[in-house]
Amino acid sequence: MKNKYLISSNIEDAKEQLEEILADIKSDKDYSEVELQIALEHAYHHLNYAWNIRNIEESRAEACSKSDYKAWSMFPTKEFTEYE
């Protein structure tokens, strides 16, 4: 596994986003589904990114082209199987 610093920082960002979502839901009775969607997409992005860069060379991960960013932000559907 490569890029432990980048993986860690993205997991930390996802954690912070999830904590913010919890706080917002608990404190805002009008918290909307749209707000939840946007916030969860942000958390998912960081988790997906952390997973997808795990074996990428550090120099490439740091350079991160637009196409890399898009690909690394996607849920890795081919790598995970459904749970029964």
C-alpha atoms as a PDB file:
ATOM      1  CA  MET A   1       0.000   0.000   0.000  1.00  0.00           C
ATOM      2  CA  LYS A   2       1.391   3.373  -1.020  1.00  0.00           C
ATOM      3  CA  ASN A   3       0.429   6.958  -0.183  1.00  0.00           C
ATOM      4  CA  LYS A   4      -0.388   6.394   3.473  1.00  0.00           C
ATOM      5  CA  TYR A   5      -0.304  10.135   4.145  1.00  0.00           C
ATOM      6  CA  LEU A   6      -2.784  10.882   1.341  1.00  0.00           C
ATOM      7  CA  ILE A   7      -4.960   7.944   2.345  1.00  0.00           C
ATOM      8  CA  SER A   8      -4.963   9.082   5.973  1.00  0.00           C
ATOM      9  CA  SER A   9      -5.772  12.675   5.134  1.00  0.00           C
ATOM     10  CA  ASN A  10      -8.701  11.639   2.931  1.00  0.00           C
ATOM     11  CA  ILE A  11     -10.076   9.336   5.626  1.00  0.00           C
ATOM     12  CA  GLU A  12      -9.741  12.173   8.131  1.00  0.00           C
ATOM     13  CA  ASP A  13     -11.620  14.499   5.757  1.00  0.00           C
ATOM     14  CA  ALA A  14     -14.392  11.884   5.356  1.00  0.00           C
ATOM     15  CA  LYS A  15     -14.593  11.492   9.130  1.00  0.00           C
ATOM     16  CA  GLU A  16     -14.891  15.246   9.621  1.00  0.00           C
ATOM     17  CA  GLN A  17     -17.607  15.408   6.965  1.00  0.00           C
ATOM     18  CA  LEU A  18     -19.579  12.602   8.637  1.00  0.00           C
ATOM     19  CA  GLU A  19     -19.256  14.307  12.038  1.00  0.00           C
ATOM     20  CA  GLU A  20     -20.530  17.530  10.475  1.00  0.00           C
ATOM     21  CA  ILE A  21     -23.496  15.691   8.936  1.00  0.00           C
ATOM     22  CA  LEU A  22     -24.400  14.189  12.323  1.00  0.00           C
ATOM     23  CA  ALA A  23     -24.175  17.555  14.044  1.00  0.00           C
ATOM     24  CA  ASP A  24     -26.262  19.227  11.345  1.00  0.00           C
ATOM     25  CA  ILE A  25     -28.963  16.562  11.429  1.00  0.00           C
ATOM     26  CA  LYS A  26     -29.190  16.738  15.223  1.00  0.00           C
ATOM     27  CA  SER A  27     -29.291  20.540  15.373  1.00  0.00           C
ATOM     28  CA  ASP A  28     -31.301  21.480  12.264  1.00  0.00           C
ATOM     29  CA  LYS A  29     -34.837  20.142  12.069  1.00  0.00           C
ATOM     30  CA  ASP A  30     -35.052  21.453   8.502  1.00  0.00           C
ATOM     31  CA  TYR A  31     -31.920  19.645   7.287  1.00  0.00           C
ATOM     32  CA  SER A  32     -32.932  18.636   3.784  1.00  0.00           C
ATOM     33  CA  GLU A  33     -32.396  15.554   1.685  1.00  0.00           C
ATOM     34  CA  VAL A  34     -30.469  17.687  -0.811  1.00  0.00           C
ATOM     35  CA  GLU A  35     -28.108  18.888   1.928  1.00  0.00           C
ATOM     36  CA  LEU A  36     -27.624  15.288   3.043  1.00  0.00           C
ATOM     37  CA  GLN A  37     -26.912  14.161  -0.519  1.00  0.00           C
ATOM     38  CA  ILE A  38     -24.281  16.826  -1.094  1.00  0.00           C
ATOM     39  CA  ALA A  39     -22.596  16.167   2.229  1.00  0.00           C
ATOM     40  CA  LEU A  40     -22.576  12.379   1.761  1.00  0.00           C
ATOM     41  CA  GLU A  41     -21.198  12.756  -1.763  1.00  0.00           C
ATOM     42  CA  HIS A  42     -18.332  14.727  -0.253  1.00  0.00           C
ATOM     43  CA  ALA A  43     -17.656  12.012   2.342  1.00  0.00           C
ATOM     44  CA  TYR A  44     -17.889   9.269  -0.306  1.00  0.00           C
ATOM     45  CA  HIS A  45     -15.444  11.165  -2.505  1.00  0.00           C
ATOM     46  CA  HIS A  46     -12.789  11.102   0.211  1.00  0.00           C
ATOM     47  CA  LEU A  47     -13.316   7.418   1.014  1.00  0.00           C
ATOM     48  CA  ASN A  48     -13.273   6.435  -2.653  1.00  0.00           C
ATOM     49  CA  TYR A  49     -10.189   8.543  -3.274  1.00  0.00           C
ATOM     50  CA  ALA A  50      -8.376   6.963  -0.328  1.00  0.00           C
ATOM     51  CA  TRP A  51      -9.119   3.488  -1.647  1.00  0.00           C
ATOM     52  CA  ASN A  52      -8.374   4.198  -5.296  1.00  0.00           C
ATOM     53  CA  ILE A  53      -4.952   5.785  -4.704  1.00  0.00           C
ATOM     54  CA  ARG A  54      -3.700   3.066  -2.362  1.00  0.00           C
ATOM     55  CA  ASN A  55      -1.389   1.530  -4.993  1.00  0.00           C
ATOM     56  CA  ILE A  56      -0.676   4.596  -7.139  1.00  0.00           C
ATOM     57  CA  GLU A  57       2.871   5.926  -7.235  1.00  0.00           C
ATOM     58  CA  GLU A  58       3.208   8.884  -4.871  1.00  0.00           C
ATOM     59  CA  SER A  59       4.460  11.230  -7.602  1.00  0.00           C
ATOM     60  CA  ARG A  60       1.436  10.449  -9.784  1.00  0.00           C
ATOM     61  CA  ALA A  61      -0.982  10.784  -6.866  1.00  0.00           C
ATOM     62  CA  GLU A  62       0.465  14.177  -6.011  1.00  0.00           C
ATOM     63  CA  ALA A  63       0.346  15.343  -9.649  1.00  0.00           C
ATOM     64  CA  CYS A  64      -3.273  14.117 -10.010  1.00  0.00           C
ATOM     65  CA  SER A  65      -4.564  15.002 -13.467  1.00  0.00           C
ATOM     66  CA  LYS A  66      -8.227  15.899 -13.991  1.00  0.00           C
ATOM     67  CA  SER A  67      -8.918  12.421 -15.374  1.00  0.00           C
ATOM     68  CA  ASP A  68      -7.135  10.811 -12.398  1.00  0.00           C
ATOM     69  CA  TYR A  69      -9.164  12.926  -9.975  1.00  0.00           C
ATOM     70  CA  LYS A  70     -12.398  11.869 -11.633  1.00  0.00           C
ATOM     71  CA  ALA A  71     -11.440   8.196 -11.743  1.00  0.00           C
ATOM     72  CA  TRP A  72     -10.093   8.106  -8.193  1.00  0.00           C
ATOM     73  CA  SER A  73     -13.244   9.781  -6.846  1.00  0.00           C
ATOM     74  CA  MET A  74     -15.518   7.047  -8.188  1.00  0.00           C
ATOM     75  CA  PHE A  75     -16.832   4.175  -6.078  1.00  0.00           C
ATOM     76  CA  PRO A  76     -14.736   1.095  -6.907  1.00  0.00           C
ATOM     77  CA  THR A  77     -17.645  -1.109  -8.006  1.00  0.00           C
ATOM     78  CA  LYS A  78     -15.439  -3.716  -9.678  1.00  0.00           C
ATOM     79  CA  GLU A  79     -13.423  -4.294  -6.500  1.00  0.00           C
ATOM     80  CA  PHE A  80     -16.199  -4.873  -4.008  1.00  0.00           C
ATOM     81  CA  THR A  81     -18.871  -7.521  -4.079  1.00  0.00           C
ATOM     82  CA  GLU A  82     -22.345  -7.193  -2.674  1.00  0.00           C
ATOM     83  CA  TYR A  83     -22.980  -8.486   0.797  1.00  0.00           C
ATOM     84  CA  GLU A  84     -25.802 -10.923   1.269  1.00  0.00           C
END
